[in-house]
Amino acid sequence: MHWIIDGYNVLISNDLGHDESSRGWFRDRITSGFAGKQVEVTIVYDSRGSKIIQRERVNSVVSEIYVDNADQYIIDTIERSYHPRSIILVTDDREIIQTVRYRHPRSMNTADFLSSLDSPPEPDHSPPEKPEFDTPDNIARYLRIFEGEG
């Protein structure tokens, strides 16, 4: 599961500020909210004009990314994903949601996301997506199953 969070959208939509201390508070809240979870969390912020993508690994689960255009980065990430249904997009930006809706990521509004940090996110009970490549064990299993057909 990969959480992609529209950082400034969460902060500004919920009147939490947008300065360094607000981002630090938000990062700490996310870090503690996802501690011990088997997920990837990416917080994406606009870097206001810098063409260089800056990635900071907060811990093994959480990363912050600063890019010239956070909205486009989020859209591109979802559109390039091999498993977009395993993405949870956190934003109130309707344009992003509409642009990527055909890829079927799950989405969560920013207020609900902040509330979920107070209580742990629900475990994912959806069936896993088909892996990008079959493993040698699966290929051998398929050959045994379908060997007699044909």
N, C-alpha and C. Protein backbone atom coordinates (compact mmCIF):
# COMPACT_ATOMS: atom_id res chain seq x y z
N MET A 1 0.85 -1.17 0.00
CA MET A 1 0.00 0.00 0.00
C MET A 1 0.90 1.24 0.00
N HIS A 2 0.60 2.18 -0.85
CA HIS A 2 1.37 3.41 -0.97
C HIS A 2 0.44 4.60 -0.76
N TRP A 3 0.69 5.35 0.28
CA TRP A 3 -0.05 6.57 0.55
C TRP A 3 0.68 7.72 -0.12
N ILE A 4 -0.02 8.47 -0.96
CA ILE A 4 0.54 9.68 -1.57
C ILE A 4 -0.26 10.85 -1.01
N ILE A 5 0.44 11.74 -0.32
CA ILE A 5 -0.22 12.82 0.40
C ILE A 5 0.16 14.16 -0.22
N ASP A 6 -0.83 14.92 -0.60
CA ASP A 6 -0.66 16.26 -1.14
C ASP A 6 -0.44 17.18 0.07
N GLY A 7 0.83 17.35 0.44
CA GLY A 7 1.21 17.97 1.70
C GLY A 7 0.61 19.34 1.97
N TYR A 8 0.87 20.29 1.08
CA TYR A 8 0.34 21.64 1.31
C TYR A 8 -1.18 21.65 1.25
N ASN A 9 -1.78 20.80 0.45
CA ASN A 9 -3.23 20.73 0.38
C ASN A 9 -3.80 20.34 1.74
N VAL A 10 -3.19 19.35 2.39
CA VAL A 10 -3.64 18.94 3.72
C VAL A 10 -3.48 20.09 4.71
N LEU A 11 -2.31 20.69 4.73
CA LEU A 11 -2.02 21.74 5.71
C LEU A 11 -2.90 22.98 5.51
N ILE A 12 -2.99 23.45 4.28
CA ILE A 12 -3.72 24.68 4.01
C ILE A 12 -5.23 24.46 4.09
N SER A 13 -5.72 23.32 3.58
CA SER A 13 -7.16 23.05 3.64
C SER A 13 -7.69 22.95 5.06
N ASN A 14 -6.82 22.61 5.99
CA ASN A 14 -7.24 22.43 7.37
C ASN A 14 -6.70 23.52 8.29
N ASP A 15 -6.30 24.66 7.69
CA ASP A 15 -5.81 25.83 8.44
C ASP A 15 -4.71 25.49 9.43
N LEU A 16 -3.74 24.68 8.97
CA LEU A 16 -2.64 24.28 9.83
C LEU A 16 -1.36 25.04 9.54
N GLY A 17 -1.42 25.98 8.61
CA GLY A 17 -0.23 26.74 8.23
C GLY A 17 0.52 26.03 7.12
N HIS A 18 1.59 26.64 6.67
CA HIS A 18 2.38 26.03 5.61
C HIS A 18 3.87 26.29 5.76
N ASP A 19 4.26 26.75 6.94
CA ASP A 19 5.67 27.05 7.17
C ASP A 19 6.42 25.80 7.62
N GLU A 20 7.70 25.96 7.88
CA GLU A 20 8.54 24.81 8.25
C GLU A 20 8.06 24.11 9.51
N SER A 21 7.61 24.87 10.50
CA SER A 21 7.15 24.22 11.73
C SER A 21 5.87 23.43 11.49
N SER A 22 4.98 23.92 10.62
CA SER A 22 3.76 23.19 10.29
C SER A 22 4.11 21.88 9.57
N ARG A 23 5.06 21.95 8.64
CA ARG A 23 5.48 20.75 7.93
C ARG A 23 6.14 19.76 8.89
N GLY A 24 6.92 20.26 9.83
CA GLY A 24 7.56 19.40 10.82
C GLY A 24 6.55 18.71 11.72
N TRP A 25 5.55 19.46 12.16
CA TRP A 25 4.48 18.89 12.99
C TRP A 25 3.75 17.79 12.21
N PHE A 26 3.44 18.08 10.95
CA PHE A 26 2.72 17.15 10.10
C PHE A 26 3.56 15.88 9.87
N ARG A 27 4.84 16.06 9.55
CA ARG A 27 5.75 14.93 9.34
C ARG A 27 5.80 14.05 10.59
N ASP A 28 5.92 14.67 11.77
CA ASP A 28 5.97 13.90 13.02
C ASP A 28 4.68 13.14 13.26
N ARG A 29 3.57 13.78 12.95
CA ARG A 29 2.26 13.13 13.15
C ARG A 29 2.10 11.94 12.22
N ILE A 30 2.52 12.09 10.98
CA ILE A 30 2.46 10.98 10.02
C ILE A 30 3.42 9.87 10.43
N THR A 31 4.62 10.24 10.83
CA THR A 31 5.61 9.25 11.23
C THR A 31 5.10 8.40 12.39
N SER A 32 4.51 9.05 13.39
CA SER A 32 4.00 8.28 14.52
C SER A 32 2.73 7.51 14.14
N GLY A 33 1.90 8.07 13.27
CA GLY A 33 0.66 7.40 12.86
C GLY A 33 0.88 6.16 12.04
N PHE A 34 2.01 6.09 11.33
CA PHE A 34 2.29 4.94 10.48
C PHE A 34 3.43 4.07 11.02
N ALA A 35 3.87 4.34 12.23
CA ALA A 35 4.96 3.56 12.81
C ALA A 35 4.58 2.08 12.86
N GLY A 36 5.49 1.24 12.39
CA GLY A 36 5.27 -0.19 12.42
C GLY A 36 4.37 -0.74 11.33
N LYS A 37 3.86 0.11 10.47
CA LYS A 37 2.97 -0.34 9.38
C LYS A 37 3.82 -0.78 8.18
N GLN A 38 3.31 -1.72 7.44
CA GLN A 38 3.98 -2.19 6.23
C GLN A 38 3.45 -1.42 5.02
N VAL A 39 3.71 -0.13 4.99
CA VAL A 39 3.24 0.74 3.92
C VAL A 39 4.37 1.68 3.50
N GLU A 40 4.13 2.38 2.43
CA GLU A 40 5.01 3.46 1.99
C GLU A 40 4.19 4.74 2.02
N VAL A 41 4.76 5.80 2.59
CA VAL A 41 4.06 7.07 2.67
C VAL A 41 4.94 8.14 2.02
N THR A 42 4.37 8.83 1.04
CA THR A 42 5.10 9.91 0.37
C THR A 42 4.31 11.19 0.54
N ILE A 43 4.93 12.19 1.16
CA ILE A 43 4.33 13.51 1.31
C ILE A 43 4.94 14.38 0.22
N VAL A 44 4.11 14.96 -0.62
CA VAL A 44 4.59 15.74 -1.76
C VAL A 44 4.26 17.22 -1.52
N TYR A 45 5.30 18.06 -1.65
CA TYR A 45 5.15 19.51 -1.48
C TYR A 45 5.66 20.22 -2.73
N ASP A 46 5.05 21.37 -3.03
CA ASP A 46 5.59 22.25 -4.06
C ASP A 46 6.86 22.89 -3.51
N SER A 47 7.88 22.98 -4.36
CA SER A 47 9.13 23.61 -3.92
C SER A 47 9.26 25.03 -4.41
N ARG A 48 8.23 25.52 -5.04
CA ARG A 48 8.17 26.91 -5.51
C ARG A 48 9.31 27.27 -6.47
N GLY A 49 9.27 26.60 -7.62
CA GLY A 49 10.16 27.02 -8.68
C GLY A 49 11.41 26.19 -8.87
N SER A 50 11.81 25.39 -7.92
CA SER A 50 13.00 24.58 -8.09
C SER A 50 12.69 23.43 -9.05
N LYS A 51 13.49 23.31 -10.08
CA LYS A 51 13.29 22.23 -11.06
C LYS A 51 13.85 20.91 -10.56
N ILE A 52 14.61 20.94 -9.48
CA ILE A 52 15.25 19.74 -8.94
C ILE A 52 14.30 19.07 -7.96
N ILE A 53 14.11 17.77 -8.12
CA ILE A 53 13.30 17.01 -7.17
C ILE A 53 14.17 16.72 -5.96
N GLN A 54 13.70 17.12 -4.81
CA GLN A 54 14.42 16.86 -3.56
C GLN A 54 13.63 15.84 -2.76
N ARG A 55 14.27 14.71 -2.47
CA ARG A 55 13.62 13.64 -1.71
C ARG A 55 14.36 13.51 -0.39
N GLU A 56 13.59 13.49 0.69
CA GLU A 56 14.17 13.28 2.01
C GLU A 56 13.49 12.08 2.64
N ARG A 57 14.27 11.07 2.94
CA ARG A 57 13.75 9.87 3.59
C ARG A 57 13.67 10.17 5.08
N VAL A 58 12.47 10.21 5.62
CA VAL A 58 12.27 10.50 7.04
C VAL A 58 12.59 9.25 7.86
N ASN A 59 12.08 8.11 7.43
CA ASN A 59 12.37 6.81 8.03
C ASN A 59 12.08 5.74 6.99
N SER A 60 12.00 4.49 7.39
CA SER A 60 11.81 3.41 6.42
C SER A 60 10.43 3.43 5.77
N VAL A 61 9.49 4.19 6.32
CA VAL A 61 8.13 4.24 5.82
C VAL A 61 7.81 5.56 5.12
N VAL A 62 8.28 6.67 5.67
CA VAL A 62 7.87 8.01 5.25
C VAL A 62 8.98 8.73 4.48
N SER A 63 8.59 9.35 3.35
CA SER A 63 9.48 10.22 2.57
C SER A 63 8.77 11.54 2.31
N GLU A 64 9.55 12.59 2.21
CA GLU A 64 9.03 13.89 1.77
C GLU A 64 9.69 14.21 0.44
N ILE A 65 8.89 14.72 -0.48
CA ILE A 65 9.40 15.10 -1.79
C ILE A 65 9.00 16.55 -2.06
N TYR A 66 9.98 17.34 -2.50
CA TYR A 66 9.74 18.72 -2.88
C TYR A 66 9.98 18.82 -4.38
N VAL A 67 8.96 19.24 -5.12
CA VAL A 67 9.04 19.32 -6.58
C VAL A 67 8.44 20.65 -7.05
N ASP A 68 8.78 21.00 -8.29
CA ASP A 68 8.28 22.23 -8.88
C ASP A 68 6.76 22.27 -8.93
N ASN A 69 6.13 21.15 -9.27
CA ASN A 69 4.68 21.09 -9.41
C ASN A 69 4.18 19.82 -8.73
N ALA A 70 3.77 19.94 -7.48
CA ALA A 70 3.34 18.78 -6.70
C ALA A 70 2.15 18.08 -7.35
N ASP A 71 1.19 18.83 -7.84
CA ASP A 71 0.00 18.23 -8.46
C ASP A 71 0.40 17.33 -9.63
N GLN A 72 1.26 17.84 -10.50
CA GLN A 72 1.68 17.06 -11.66
C GLN A 72 2.50 15.86 -11.24
N TYR A 73 3.33 16.01 -10.23
CA TYR A 73 4.12 14.88 -9.73
C TYR A 73 3.20 13.77 -9.23
N ILE A 74 2.17 14.14 -8.47
CA ILE A 74 1.21 13.17 -7.95
C ILE A 74 0.50 12.46 -9.10
N ILE A 75 0.02 13.23 -10.07
CA ILE A 75 -0.66 12.66 -11.24
C ILE A 75 0.26 11.70 -11.98
N ASP A 76 1.49 12.14 -12.25
CA ASP A 76 2.45 11.30 -12.98
C ASP A 76 2.76 10.01 -12.22
N THR A 77 2.90 10.11 -10.91
CA THR A 77 3.22 8.93 -10.10
C THR A 77 2.09 7.91 -10.18
N ILE A 78 0.86 8.37 -10.09
CA ILE A 78 -0.28 7.46 -10.17
C ILE A 78 -0.43 6.89 -11.57
N GLU A 79 -0.24 7.73 -12.59
CA GLU A 79 -0.38 7.25 -13.97
C GLU A 79 0.70 6.25 -14.35
N ARG A 80 1.88 6.35 -13.76
CA ARG A 80 2.97 5.41 -14.07
C ARG A 80 2.95 4.15 -13.21
N SER A 81 2.11 4.12 -12.21
CA SER A 81 2.09 2.99 -11.28
C SER A 81 1.59 1.71 -11.95
N TYR A 82 2.26 0.62 -11.66
CA TYR A 82 1.79 -0.69 -12.13
C TYR A 82 0.61 -1.17 -11.30
N HIS A 83 0.47 -0.62 -10.09
CA HIS A 83 -0.59 -1.04 -9.18
C HIS A 83 -1.31 0.18 -8.59
N PRO A 84 -1.99 0.95 -9.43
CA PRO A 84 -2.62 2.18 -8.93
C PRO A 84 -3.71 1.94 -7.89
N ARG A 85 -4.31 0.76 -7.90
CA ARG A 85 -5.36 0.48 -6.90
C ARG A 85 -4.78 0.26 -5.51
N SER A 86 -3.47 0.13 -5.42
CA SER A 86 -2.83 0.00 -4.12
C SER A 86 -2.40 1.36 -3.57
N ILE A 87 -2.75 2.42 -4.28
CA ILE A 87 -2.42 3.78 -3.85
C ILE A 87 -3.61 4.38 -3.13
N ILE A 88 -3.32 5.07 -2.04
CA ILE A 88 -4.33 5.88 -1.36
C ILE A 88 -3.87 7.33 -1.51
N LEU A 89 -4.65 8.10 -2.23
CA LEU A 89 -4.35 9.50 -2.50
C LEU A 89 -5.06 10.36 -1.47
N VAL A 90 -4.28 11.20 -0.79
CA VAL A 90 -4.85 12.09 0.22
C VAL A 90 -4.78 13.52 -0.32
N THR A 91 -5.94 14.04 -0.71
CA THR A 91 -6.03 15.41 -1.22
C THR A 91 -7.49 15.84 -1.27
N ASP A 92 -7.69 17.15 -1.27
CA ASP A 92 -9.02 17.71 -1.53
C ASP A 92 -9.05 18.35 -2.91
N ASP A 93 -7.97 18.22 -3.66
CA ASP A 93 -7.84 18.84 -4.97
C ASP A 93 -8.64 18.03 -6.00
N ARG A 94 -9.80 18.56 -6.38
CA ARG A 94 -10.69 17.85 -7.30
C ARG A 94 -10.07 17.62 -8.66
N GLU A 95 -9.22 18.53 -9.09
CA GLU A 95 -8.58 18.37 -10.40
C GLU A 95 -7.67 17.15 -10.42
N ILE A 96 -6.89 16.94 -9.35
CA ILE A 96 -6.04 15.75 -9.28
C ILE A 96 -6.91 14.50 -9.27
N ILE A 97 -7.92 14.50 -8.42
CA ILE A 97 -8.80 13.32 -8.29
C ILE A 97 -9.45 13.00 -9.63
N GLN A 98 -9.96 14.00 -10.34
CA GLN A 98 -10.60 13.77 -11.63
C GLN A 98 -9.62 13.26 -12.68
N THR A 99 -8.40 13.80 -12.66
CA THR A 99 -7.40 13.42 -13.65
C THR A 99 -6.99 11.96 -13.54
N VAL A 100 -6.90 11.45 -12.30
CA VAL A 100 -6.41 10.08 -12.11
C VAL A 100 -7.53 9.06 -11.85
N ARG A 101 -8.77 9.49 -11.90
CA ARG A 101 -9.87 8.59 -11.53
C ARG A 101 -9.91 7.32 -12.39
N TYR A 102 -9.50 7.40 -13.66
CA TYR A 102 -9.53 6.23 -14.53
C TYR A 102 -8.53 5.16 -14.09
N ARG A 103 -7.55 5.52 -13.25
CA ARG A 103 -6.56 4.56 -12.74
C ARG A 103 -7.05 3.90 -11.45
N HIS A 104 -8.13 4.42 -10.89
CA HIS A 104 -8.80 3.86 -9.71
C HIS A 104 -7.96 3.80 -8.43
N PRO A 105 -7.18 4.85 -8.14
CA PRO A 105 -6.56 4.83 -6.81
C PRO A 105 -7.66 5.09 -5.78
N ARG A 106 -7.44 4.65 -4.59
CA ARG A 106 -8.39 5.02 -3.53
C ARG A 106 -8.06 6.46 -3.15
N SER A 107 -9.04 7.17 -2.64
CA SER A 107 -8.75 8.54 -2.21
C SER A 107 -9.39 8.79 -0.86
N MET A 108 -8.80 9.75 -0.17
CA MET A 108 -9.29 10.12 1.15
C MET A 108 -9.17 11.64 1.25
N ASN A 109 -10.22 12.27 1.78
CA ASN A 109 -10.11 13.73 1.93
C ASN A 109 -9.20 14.05 3.10
N THR A 110 -8.74 15.27 3.13
CA THR A 110 -7.70 15.65 4.09
C THR A 110 -8.19 15.63 5.54
N ALA A 111 -9.42 16.03 5.78
CA ALA A 111 -9.95 16.03 7.15
C ALA A 111 -10.06 14.61 7.69
N ASP A 112 -10.56 13.69 6.85
CA ASP A 112 -10.64 12.30 7.28
C ASP A 112 -9.26 11.71 7.52
N PHE A 113 -8.31 12.08 6.69
CA PHE A 113 -6.95 11.58 6.88
C PHE A 113 -6.39 12.05 8.22
N LEU A 114 -6.54 13.32 8.52
CA LEU A 114 -6.04 13.83 9.79
C LEU A 114 -6.72 13.12 10.96
N SER A 115 -8.00 12.88 10.85
CA SER A 115 -8.71 12.14 11.90
C SER A 115 -8.18 10.72 12.03
N SER A 116 -7.84 10.10 10.90
CA SER A 116 -7.35 8.72 10.94
C SER A 116 -5.99 8.62 11.62
N LEU A 117 -5.24 9.72 11.65
CA LEU A 117 -3.95 9.68 12.33
C LEU A 117 -4.12 9.56 13.84
N ASP A 118 -5.28 9.99 14.34
CA ASP A 118 -5.56 9.84 15.76
C ASP A 118 -5.86 8.40 16.11
N SER A 119 -6.42 7.67 15.15
CA SER A 119 -6.64 6.23 15.32
C SER A 119 -5.97 5.55 14.15
N PRO A 120 -5.39 4.39 14.34
CA PRO A 120 -4.66 3.75 13.25
C PRO A 120 -5.55 3.47 12.04
N PRO A 121 -4.99 3.55 10.83
CA PRO A 121 -5.76 3.22 9.63
C PRO A 121 -6.26 1.78 9.69
N GLU A 122 -7.44 1.58 9.12
CA GLU A 122 -8.01 0.24 9.07
C GLU A 122 -7.09 -0.68 8.27
N PRO A 123 -6.97 -1.93 8.68
CA PRO A 123 -6.16 -2.86 7.88
C PRO A 123 -6.80 -3.08 6.51
N ASP A 124 -5.95 -3.32 5.55
CA ASP A 124 -6.42 -3.54 4.18
C ASP A 124 -6.82 -4.99 4.02
N HIS A 125 -8.11 -5.23 3.75
CA HIS A 125 -8.61 -6.58 3.57
C HIS A 125 -8.90 -6.89 2.10
N SER A 126 -8.51 -5.98 1.22
CA SER A 126 -8.77 -6.24 -0.20
C SER A 126 -7.77 -7.28 -0.70
N PRO A 127 -8.17 -8.05 -1.70
CA PRO A 127 -7.24 -9.06 -2.22
C PRO A 127 -6.03 -8.38 -2.85
N PRO A 128 -4.87 -8.99 -2.71
CA PRO A 128 -3.68 -8.37 -3.30
C PRO A 128 -3.79 -8.34 -4.82
N GLU A 129 -3.16 -7.32 -5.40
CA GLU A 129 -3.15 -7.24 -6.86
C GLU A 129 -2.22 -8.30 -7.41
N LYS A 130 -2.49 -8.67 -8.64
CA LYS A 130 -1.63 -9.64 -9.30
C LYS A 130 -0.23 -9.05 -9.40
N PRO A 131 0.80 -9.83 -9.06
CA PRO A 131 2.15 -9.30 -9.15
C PRO A 131 2.50 -8.96 -10.60
N GLU A 132 3.44 -8.05 -10.76
CA GLU A 132 3.84 -7.62 -12.09
C GLU A 132 4.38 -8.80 -12.91
N PHE A 133 5.13 -9.69 -12.27
CA PHE A 133 5.70 -10.84 -12.94
C PHE A 133 5.34 -12.09 -12.15
N ASP A 134 5.13 -13.20 -12.84
CA ASP A 134 4.88 -14.46 -12.16
C ASP A 134 6.20 -14.98 -11.60
N THR A 135 6.13 -15.58 -10.44
CA THR A 135 7.31 -16.18 -9.83
C THR A 135 7.56 -17.53 -10.46
N PRO A 136 8.77 -18.04 -10.38
CA PRO A 136 9.05 -19.39 -10.92
C PRO A 136 8.14 -20.45 -10.29
N ASP A 137 7.83 -20.31 -9.00
CA ASP A 137 6.93 -21.27 -8.35
C ASP A 137 5.54 -21.23 -8.97
N ASN A 138 5.03 -20.03 -9.24
CA ASN A 138 3.71 -19.92 -9.86
C ASN A 138 3.71 -20.48 -11.27
N ILE A 139 4.75 -20.24 -12.01
CA ILE A 139 4.83 -20.77 -13.38
C ILE A 139 4.83 -22.29 -13.35
N ALA A 140 5.60 -22.88 -12.44
CA ALA A 140 5.63 -24.34 -12.32
C ALA A 140 4.25 -24.86 -11.92
N ARG A 141 3.59 -24.16 -11.02
CA ARG A 141 2.25 -24.57 -10.59
C ARG A 141 1.27 -24.51 -11.77
N TYR A 142 1.32 -23.43 -12.55
CA TYR A 142 0.43 -23.32 -13.72
C TYR A 142 0.69 -24.44 -14.72
N LEU A 143 1.96 -24.76 -14.93
CA LEU A 143 2.29 -25.83 -15.87
C LEU A 143 1.73 -27.16 -15.41
N ARG A 144 1.79 -27.41 -14.07
CA ARG A 144 1.23 -28.66 -13.55
C ARG A 144 -0.29 -28.68 -13.72
N ILE A 145 -0.94 -27.54 -13.46
CA ILE A 145 -2.39 -27.47 -13.54
C ILE A 145 -2.88 -27.66 -14.97
N PHE A 146 -2.25 -26.99 -15.91
CA PHE A 146 -2.74 -26.95 -17.28
C PHE A 146 -2.03 -27.95 -18.20
N GLU A 147 -1.17 -28.76 -17.65
CA GLU A 147 -0.41 -29.72 -18.45
C GLU A 147 -1.29 -30.68 -19.22
N GLY A 148 -2.36 -31.15 -18.60
CA GLY A 148 -3.22 -32.13 -19.23
C GLY A 148 -4.20 -31.53 -20.24
N GLU A 149 -4.29 -30.20 -20.29
CA GLU A 149 -5.22 -29.57 -21.23
C GLU A 149 -4.55 -29.36 -22.57
N GLY A 150 -5.32 -29.34 -23.60
CA GLY A 150 -4.77 -28.96 -24.88
C GLY A 150 -4.94 -29.93 -25.89
